[in-house]
Amino acid sequence: MVLKLEAHDLLWGMTVDCLADDAPHWVREVLQRGDPVVVRRAIT
């Protein structure tokens, strides 16, 4: 089994105003609760 490392971002302690306009709705909901979110970054 070979694991491929993926780039991730931890979004913690930020407001929804800091998010990009195209951020998923669920990310906004979680941040508004004050919980941290880990999202995978697109690899270009």
PDB file of N, CA and C in Angstrom:
ATOM      1  N   MET A   1       0.851  -1.176   0.000  1.00  0.00           N
ATOM      2  CA  MET A   1       0.000   0.000   0.000  1.00  0.00           C
ATOM      3  C   MET A   1       0.898   1.241   0.000  1.00  0.00           C
ATOM      4  N   VAL A   2       0.626   2.148  -0.900  1.00  0.00           N
ATOM      5  CA  VAL A   2       1.384   3.390  -0.995  1.00  0.00           C
ATOM      6  C   VAL A   2       0.455   4.545  -0.662  1.00  0.00           C
ATOM      7  N   LEU A   3       0.869   5.373   0.276  1.00  0.00           N
ATOM      8  CA  LEU A   3       0.066   6.532   0.650  1.00  0.00           C
ATOM      9  C   LEU A   3       0.582   7.760  -0.063  1.00  0.00           C
ATOM     10  N   LYS A   4      -0.321   8.538  -0.596  1.00  0.00           N
ATOM     11  CA  LYS A   4       0.047   9.792  -1.245  1.00  0.00           C
ATOM     12  C   LYS A   4      -0.269  10.929  -0.279  1.00  0.00           C
ATOM     13  N   LEU A   5       0.708  11.762  -0.007  1.00  0.00           N
ATOM     14  CA  LEU A   5       0.478  12.885   0.892  1.00  0.00           C
ATOM     15  C   LEU A   5      -0.320  13.969   0.184  1.00  0.00           C
ATOM     16  N   GLU A   6      -1.292  14.504   0.861  1.00  0.00           N
ATOM     17  CA  GLU A   6      -2.128  15.578   0.331  1.00  0.00           C
ATOM     18  C   GLU A   6      -1.899  16.835   1.154  1.00  0.00           C
ATOM     19  N   ALA A   7      -1.981  17.960   0.499  1.00  0.00           N
ATOM     20  CA  ALA A   7      -1.842  19.243   1.203  1.00  0.00           C
ATOM     21  C   ALA A   7      -3.159  19.584   1.894  1.00  0.00           C
ATOM     22  N   HIS A   8      -3.066  19.986   3.151  1.00  0.00           N
ATOM     23  CA  HIS A   8      -4.253  20.333   3.931  1.00  0.00           C
ATOM     24  C   HIS A   8      -4.054  21.676   4.618  1.00  0.00           C
ATOM     25  N   ASP A   9      -5.164  22.322   4.928  1.00  0.00           N
ATOM     26  CA  ASP A   9      -5.140  23.570   5.685  1.00  0.00           C
ATOM     27  C   ASP A   9      -6.017  23.407   6.918  1.00  0.00           C
ATOM     28  N   LEU A  10      -5.532  23.888   8.044  1.00  0.00           N
ATOM     29  CA  LEU A  10      -6.316  23.930   9.269  1.00  0.00           C
ATOM     30  C   LEU A  10      -6.873  25.338   9.400  1.00  0.00           C
ATOM     31  N   LEU A  11      -8.184  25.440   9.391  1.00  0.00           N
ATOM     32  CA  LEU A  11      -8.850  26.737   9.533  1.00  0.00           C
ATOM     33  C   LEU A  11      -9.367  26.818  10.963  1.00  0.00           C
ATOM     34  N   TRP A  12      -8.706  27.611  11.764  1.00  0.00           N
ATOM     35  CA  TRP A  12      -9.048  27.672  13.180  1.00  0.00           C
ATOM     36  C   TRP A  12      -8.810  29.089  13.669  1.00  0.00           C
ATOM     37  N   GLY A  13      -9.774  29.637  14.363  1.00  0.00           N
ATOM     38  CA  GLY A  13      -9.642  30.980  14.913  1.00  0.00           C
ATOM     39  C   GLY A  13      -9.835  32.075  13.885  1.00  0.00           C
ATOM     40  N   MET A  14     -10.431  31.748  12.771  1.00  0.00           N
ATOM     41  CA  MET A  14     -10.684  32.766  11.761  1.00  0.00           C
ATOM     42  C   MET A  14     -12.184  32.968  11.614  1.00  0.00           C
ATOM     43  N   THR A  15     -12.578  34.075  11.053  1.00  0.00           N
ATOM     44  CA  THR A  15     -13.993  34.350  10.837  1.00  0.00           C
ATOM     45  C   THR A  15     -14.366  33.979   9.408  1.00  0.00           C
ATOM     46  N   VAL A  16     -15.659  33.849   9.176  1.00  0.00           N
ATOM     47  CA  VAL A  16     -16.116  33.511   7.826  1.00  0.00           C
ATOM     48  C   VAL A  16     -15.804  34.630   6.835  1.00  0.00           C
ATOM     49  N   ASP A  17     -15.580  35.834   7.327  1.00  0.00           N
ATOM     50  CA  ASP A  17     -15.211  36.944   6.445  1.00  0.00           C
ATOM     51  C   ASP A  17     -13.864  36.700   5.767  1.00  0.00           C
ATOM     52  N   CYS A  18     -13.033  35.864   6.358  1.00  0.00           N
ATOM     53  CA  CYS A  18     -11.705  35.566   5.799  1.00  0.00           C
ATOM     54  C   CYS A  18     -11.756  34.513   4.698  1.00  0.00           C
ATOM     55  N   LEU A  19     -12.886  33.829   4.553  1.00  0.00           N
ATOM     56  CA  LEU A  19     -12.997  32.761   3.561  1.00  0.00           C
ATOM     57  C   LEU A  19     -13.163  33.318   2.157  1.00  0.00           C
ATOM     58  N   ALA A  20     -12.745  32.524   1.190  1.00  0.00           N
ATOM     59  CA  ALA A  20     -12.968  32.873  -0.211  1.00  0.00           C
ATOM     60  C   ALA A  20     -14.469  32.813  -0.505  1.00  0.00           C
ATOM     61  N   ASP A  21     -14.895  33.545  -1.499  1.00  0.00           N
ATOM     62  CA  ASP A  21     -16.316  33.583  -1.848  1.00  0.00           C
ATOM     63  C   ASP A  21     -16.861  32.212  -2.232  1.00  0.00           C
ATOM     64  N   ASP A  22     -16.007  31.349  -2.784  1.00  0.00           N
ATOM     65  CA  ASP A  22     -16.475  30.037  -3.227  1.00  0.00           C
ATOM     66  C   ASP A  22     -16.281  28.936  -2.179  1.00  0.00           C
ATOM     67  N   ALA A  23     -16.021  29.321  -0.941  1.00  0.00           N
ATOM     68  CA  ALA A  23     -15.859  28.329   0.129  1.00  0.00           C
ATOM     69  C   ALA A  23     -17.176  27.580   0.331  1.00  0.00           C
ATOM     70  N   PRO A  24     -17.103  26.271   0.590  1.00  0.00           N
ATOM     71  CA  PRO A  24     -18.322  25.486   0.797  1.00  0.00           C
ATOM     72  C   PRO A  24     -19.135  25.992   1.994  1.00  0.00           C
ATOM     73  N   HIS A  25     -20.441  25.851   1.887  1.00  0.00           N
ATOM     74  CA  HIS A  25     -21.352  26.313   2.941  1.00  0.00           C
ATOM     75  C   HIS A  25     -21.061  25.616   4.273  1.00  0.00           C
ATOM     76  N   TRP A  26     -20.725  24.316   4.223  1.00  0.00           N
ATOM     77  CA  TRP A  26     -20.491  23.576   5.465  1.00  0.00           C
ATOM     78  C   TRP A  26     -19.281  24.125   6.213  1.00  0.00           C
ATOM     79  N   VAL A  27     -18.286  24.637   5.488  1.00  0.00           N
ATOM     80  CA  VAL A  27     -17.116  25.225   6.147  1.00  0.00           C
ATOM     81  C   VAL A  27     -17.534  26.472   6.921  1.00  0.00           C
ATOM     82  N   ARG A  28     -18.379  27.282   6.307  1.00  0.00           N
ATOM     83  CA  ARG A  28     -18.880  28.488   6.974  1.00  0.00           C
ATOM     84  C   ARG A  28     -19.642  28.129   8.253  1.00  0.00           C
ATOM     85  N   GLU A  29     -20.484  27.107   8.174  1.00  0.00           N
ATOM     86  CA  GLU A  29     -21.270  26.695   9.340  1.00  0.00           C
ATOM     87  C   GLU A  29     -20.369  26.246  10.494  1.00  0.00           C
ATOM     88  N   VAL A  30     -19.357  25.450  10.182  1.00  0.00           N
ATOM     89  CA  VAL A  30     -18.465  24.940  11.224  1.00  0.00           C
ATOM     90  C   VAL A  30     -17.671  26.077  11.861  1.00  0.00           C
ATOM     91  N   LEU A  31     -17.149  26.988  11.047  1.00  0.00           N
ATOM     92  CA  LEU A  31     -16.384  28.113  11.595  1.00  0.00           C
ATOM     93  C   LEU A  31     -17.256  29.018  12.457  1.00  0.00           C
ATOM     94  N   GLN A  32     -18.515  29.198  12.069  1.00  0.00           N
ATOM     95  CA  GLN A  32     -19.417  30.033  12.865  1.00  0.00           C
ATOM     96  C   GLN A  32     -19.666  29.425  14.238  1.00  0.00           C
ATOM     97  N   ARG A  33     -19.591  28.098  14.350  1.00  0.00           N
ATOM     98  CA  ARG A  33     -19.734  27.432  15.652  1.00  0.00           C
ATOM     99  C   ARG A  33     -18.479  27.583  16.496  1.00  0.00           C
ATOM    100  N   GLY A  34     -17.375  27.995  15.864  1.00  0.00           N
ATOM    101  CA  GLY A  34     -16.117  28.133  16.585  1.00  0.00           C
ATOM    102  C   GLY A  34     -15.268  26.881  16.568  1.00  0.00           C
ATOM    103  N   ASP A  35     -15.658  25.909  15.749  1.00  0.00           N
ATOM    104  CA  ASP A  35     -14.903  24.662  15.655  1.00  0.00           C
ATOM    105  C   ASP A  35     -13.835  24.761  14.567  1.00  0.00           C
ATOM    106  N   PRO A  36     -12.721  24.040  14.723  1.00  0.00           N
ATOM    107  CA  PRO A  36     -11.700  24.033  13.678  1.00  0.00           C
ATOM    108  C   PRO A  36     -12.144  23.174  12.496  1.00  0.00           C
ATOM    109  N   VAL A  37     -11.625  23.484  11.325  1.00  0.00           N
ATOM    110  CA  VAL A  37     -11.951  22.752  10.103  1.00  0.00           C
ATOM    111  C   VAL A  37     -10.642  22.404   9.400  1.00  0.00           C
ATOM    112  N   VAL A  38     -10.536  21.177   8.918  1.00  0.00           N
ATOM    113  CA  VAL A  38      -9.400  20.790   8.081  1.00  0.00           C
ATOM    114  C   VAL A  38      -9.943  20.542   6.682  1.00  0.00           C
ATOM    115  N   VAL A  39      -9.366  21.229   5.712  1.00  0.00           N
ATOM    116  CA  VAL A  39      -9.791  21.073   4.317  1.00  0.00           C
ATOM    117  C   VAL A  39      -8.582  20.716   3.461  1.00  0.00           C
ATOM    118  N   ARG A  40      -8.836  19.953   2.412  1.00  0.00           N
ATOM    119  CA  ARG A  40      -7.771  19.589   1.485  1.00  0.00           C
ATOM    120  C   ARG A  40      -7.643  20.669   0.429  1.00  0.00           C
ATOM    121  N   ARG A  41      -6.421  21.094   0.193  1.00  0.00           N
ATOM    122  CA  ARG A  41      -6.135  22.097  -0.839  1.00  0.00           C
ATOM    123  C   ARG A  41      -6.054  21.426  -2.194  1.00  0.00           C
ATOM    124  N   ALA A  42      -6.475  22.147  -3.216  1.00  0.00           N
ATOM    125  CA  ALA A  42      -6.319  21.647  -4.580  1.00  0.00           C
ATOM    126  C   ALA A  42      -4.836  21.653  -4.934  1.00  0.00           C
ATOM    127  N   ILE A  43      -4.395  20.595  -5.555  1.00  0.00           N
ATOM    128  CA  ILE A  43      -3.002  20.521  -5.983  1.00  0.00           C
ATOM    129  C   ILE A  43      -2.966  20.881  -7.459  1.00  0.00           C
ATOM    130  N   THR A  44      -2.218  21.922  -7.772  1.00  0.00           N
ATOM    131  CA  THR A  44      -2.184  22.379  -9.166  1.00  0.00           C
ATOM    132  C   THR A  44      -0.855  22.082  -9.808  1.00  0.00           C
TER     133      THR A  44
END
